[in-house]
Amino acid sequence: MTMLPDLPLEVTHEVRDRCLCLHLQRAARRVARRFDEALRPFGLTSGQFSLLMALNRPASPRLGDIAAFLAMDRTTLTANLKPLERRGLVQVTVDEEDRRGRRLTITDAGRRHLRDAVPVWRATHDTVDAMLAGGDPDRLRGDLVALS
């Protein structure tokens, strides 16, 4: 069997230092853990907070619209909705305009969770914003939006 030559260590260092995907994933995991810890007293993860916030609107959105907004596939979104639905924070109903589709509604209990959690989210966000080099979180958000 023929052995492939070793990949030079310089290539490993190049990827370590340059790979946006690696740096975004690492940062996302660390930031998510920080928010998960902050939101734990409310029984929410950072992902659940974001999902509930995406549902906080006057009309119940379609499942597909929320999946697209959160850049999730529908199966993953459905799995993430299950615990929120069991806790009575979200209601999933048949879309009256298209019986094959589903509409998502945040319940009053879900709104209370968001209302109570927002001050902690803001404080945590202020801390994270202050950690950014250059002190320009709006630029980072703009760059992230451009990538998404």
Protein backbone atom coordinates (compact mmCIF):
# COMPACT_ATOMS: atom_id res chain seq x y z
CA MET A 1 0.00 0.00 0.00
CA THR A 2 1.34 3.43 -0.95
CA MET A 3 1.62 5.97 1.85
CA LEU A 4 0.72 9.55 1.12
CA PRO A 5 3.38 12.09 2.04
CA ASP A 6 2.84 14.01 5.24
CA LEU A 7 1.02 17.30 4.98
CA PRO A 8 3.49 19.99 6.01
CA LEU A 9 2.90 21.50 9.44
CA GLU A 10 2.88 24.93 7.79
CA VAL A 11 -0.40 24.00 6.08
CA THR A 12 -1.90 23.06 9.44
CA HIS A 13 -0.80 26.43 10.80
CA GLU A 14 -2.20 28.22 7.75
CA VAL A 15 -5.60 26.63 8.28
CA ARG A 16 -5.45 27.30 12.04
CA ASP A 17 -4.67 30.97 11.44
CA ARG A 18 -6.75 31.68 8.33
CA CYS A 19 -9.83 29.46 8.32
CA LEU A 20 -12.90 31.64 8.84
CA CYS A 21 -15.09 28.59 9.31
CA LEU A 22 -12.91 27.32 12.17
CA HIS A 23 -12.80 30.73 13.87
CA LEU A 24 -16.54 31.31 13.43
CA GLN A 25 -17.38 27.87 14.81
CA ARG A 26 -15.09 28.30 17.83
CA ALA A 27 -16.43 31.79 18.55
CA ALA A 28 -20.04 30.66 18.07
CA ARG A 29 -19.60 27.79 20.53
CA ARG A 30 -17.98 30.02 23.15
CA VAL A 31 -20.51 32.82 22.78
CA ALA A 32 -23.39 30.32 22.84
CA ARG A 33 -22.02 28.79 26.07
CA ARG A 34 -21.83 32.24 27.66
CA PHE A 35 -25.46 32.97 26.74
CA ASP A 36 -26.56 29.45 27.70
CA GLU A 37 -25.18 30.03 31.18
CA ALA A 38 -26.79 33.47 31.44
CA LEU A 39 -30.18 32.17 30.29
CA ARG A 40 -30.13 28.99 32.40
CA PRO A 41 -32.17 30.57 35.25
CA PHE A 42 -35.00 31.04 32.73
CA GLY A 43 -34.81 27.43 31.56
CA LEU A 44 -33.65 28.51 28.10
CA THR A 45 -30.63 27.88 25.95
CA SER A 46 -29.29 30.58 23.65
CA GLY A 47 -30.80 28.72 20.69
CA GLN A 48 -34.21 28.51 22.35
CA PHE A 49 -34.06 32.21 23.22
CA SER A 50 -33.30 33.05 19.58
CA LEU A 51 -36.07 30.78 18.36
CA LEU A 52 -38.64 32.28 20.73
CA MET A 53 -37.52 35.78 19.78
CA ALA A 54 -37.94 34.90 16.08
CA LEU A 55 -41.55 33.95 16.87
CA ASN A 56 -42.26 37.17 18.77
CA ARG A 57 -44.25 38.90 16.02
CA PRO A 58 -47.86 39.89 15.40
CA ALA A 59 -48.69 37.03 13.01
CA SER A 60 -47.73 33.39 13.38
CA PRO A 61 -44.96 32.63 10.88
CA ARG A 62 -44.68 29.48 8.80
CA LEU A 63 -42.22 26.85 9.95
CA GLY A 64 -40.29 27.17 6.68
CA ASP A 65 -39.91 30.93 7.09
CA ILE A 66 -38.41 30.52 10.56
CA ALA A 67 -36.13 27.72 9.35
CA ALA A 68 -34.83 30.00 6.59
CA PHE A 69 -34.42 32.95 8.98
CA LEU A 70 -32.43 30.84 11.47
CA ALA A 71 -30.51 29.06 8.67
CA MET A 72 -31.76 25.68 9.93
CA ASP A 73 -33.21 22.80 8.03
CA ARG A 74 -36.85 22.07 8.80
CA THR A 75 -36.06 18.78 10.55
CA THR A 76 -33.64 20.46 12.96
CA LEU A 77 -36.10 23.26 13.63
CA THR A 78 -38.87 20.75 14.33
CA ALA A 79 -36.62 18.93 16.81
CA ASN A 80 -35.77 22.25 18.51
CA LEU A 81 -39.44 23.16 18.77
CA LYS A 82 -40.45 19.94 20.57
CA PRO A 83 -39.16 20.85 24.06
CA LEU A 84 -40.56 24.37 23.77
CA GLU A 85 -43.91 22.98 22.71
CA ARG A 86 -43.92 20.44 25.59
CA ARG A 87 -43.24 23.29 28.03
CA GLY A 88 -46.12 25.32 26.60
CA LEU A 89 -43.88 28.11 25.27
CA VAL A 90 -44.71 27.50 21.60
CA GLN A 91 -47.77 26.22 19.81
CA VAL A 92 -47.51 24.48 16.44
CA THR A 93 -50.70 24.47 14.35
CA VAL A 94 -51.78 23.53 10.85
CA ASP A 95 -51.46 26.39 8.37
CA GLU A 96 -55.03 27.24 7.33
CA GLU A 97 -53.77 28.55 3.96
CA ASP A 98 -51.82 25.36 3.20
CA ARG A 99 -52.88 22.37 5.27
CA ARG A 100 -49.52 20.67 4.62
CA GLY A 101 -47.66 23.48 6.37
CA ARG A 102 -47.31 24.48 10.00
CA ARG A 103 -47.60 27.83 11.76
CA LEU A 104 -45.63 28.65 14.89
CA THR A 105 -47.01 30.78 17.69
CA ILE A 106 -45.27 31.93 20.84
CA THR A 107 -47.60 31.51 23.81
CA ASP A 108 -48.13 33.93 26.69
CA ALA A 109 -45.80 31.74 28.77
CA GLY A 110 -43.18 32.02 26.03
CA ARG A 111 -43.56 35.80 25.97
CA ARG A 112 -43.13 35.91 29.76
CA HIS A 113 -39.93 33.89 29.47
CA LEU A 114 -38.61 36.31 26.86
CA ARG A 115 -39.67 39.38 28.84
CA ASP A 116 -37.93 38.09 31.96
CA ALA A 117 -34.80 36.99 30.09
CA VAL A 118 -34.21 40.12 27.98
CA PRO A 119 -32.48 42.16 30.73
CA VAL A 120 -30.02 39.31 31.32
CA TRP A 121 -29.54 38.89 27.56
CA ARG A 122 -28.79 42.63 27.28
CA ALA A 123 -26.26 42.56 30.12
CA THR A 124 -24.56 39.50 28.66
CA HIS A 125 -24.52 41.14 25.25
CA ASP A 126 -22.93 44.28 26.67
CA THR A 127 -20.17 42.10 28.13
CA VAL A 128 -19.60 40.29 24.84
CA ASP A 129 -19.66 43.55 22.86
CA ALA A 130 -17.02 45.00 25.19
CA MET A 131 -14.73 42.03 24.50
CA LEU A 132 -14.48 42.84 20.79
CA ALA A 133 -11.23 44.31 19.60
CA GLY A 134 -11.73 47.75 18.15
CA GLY A 135 -14.98 48.16 20.07
CA ASP A 136 -17.13 48.01 16.93
CA PRO A 137 -19.72 45.25 17.37
CA ASP A 138 -21.94 46.77 14.67
CA ARG A 139 -19.20 46.21 12.09
CA LEU A 140 -18.86 42.57 13.15
CA ARG A 141 -22.62 42.08 12.97
CA GLY A 142 -22.64 43.63 9.51
CA ASP A 143 -19.84 41.34 8.38
CA LEU A 144 -21.65 38.30 9.79
CA VAL A 145 -24.88 39.31 8.04
CA ALA A 146 -22.94 39.63 4.79
CA LEU A 147 -21.61 36.09 5.24
CA SER A 148 -25.04 34.70 6.02
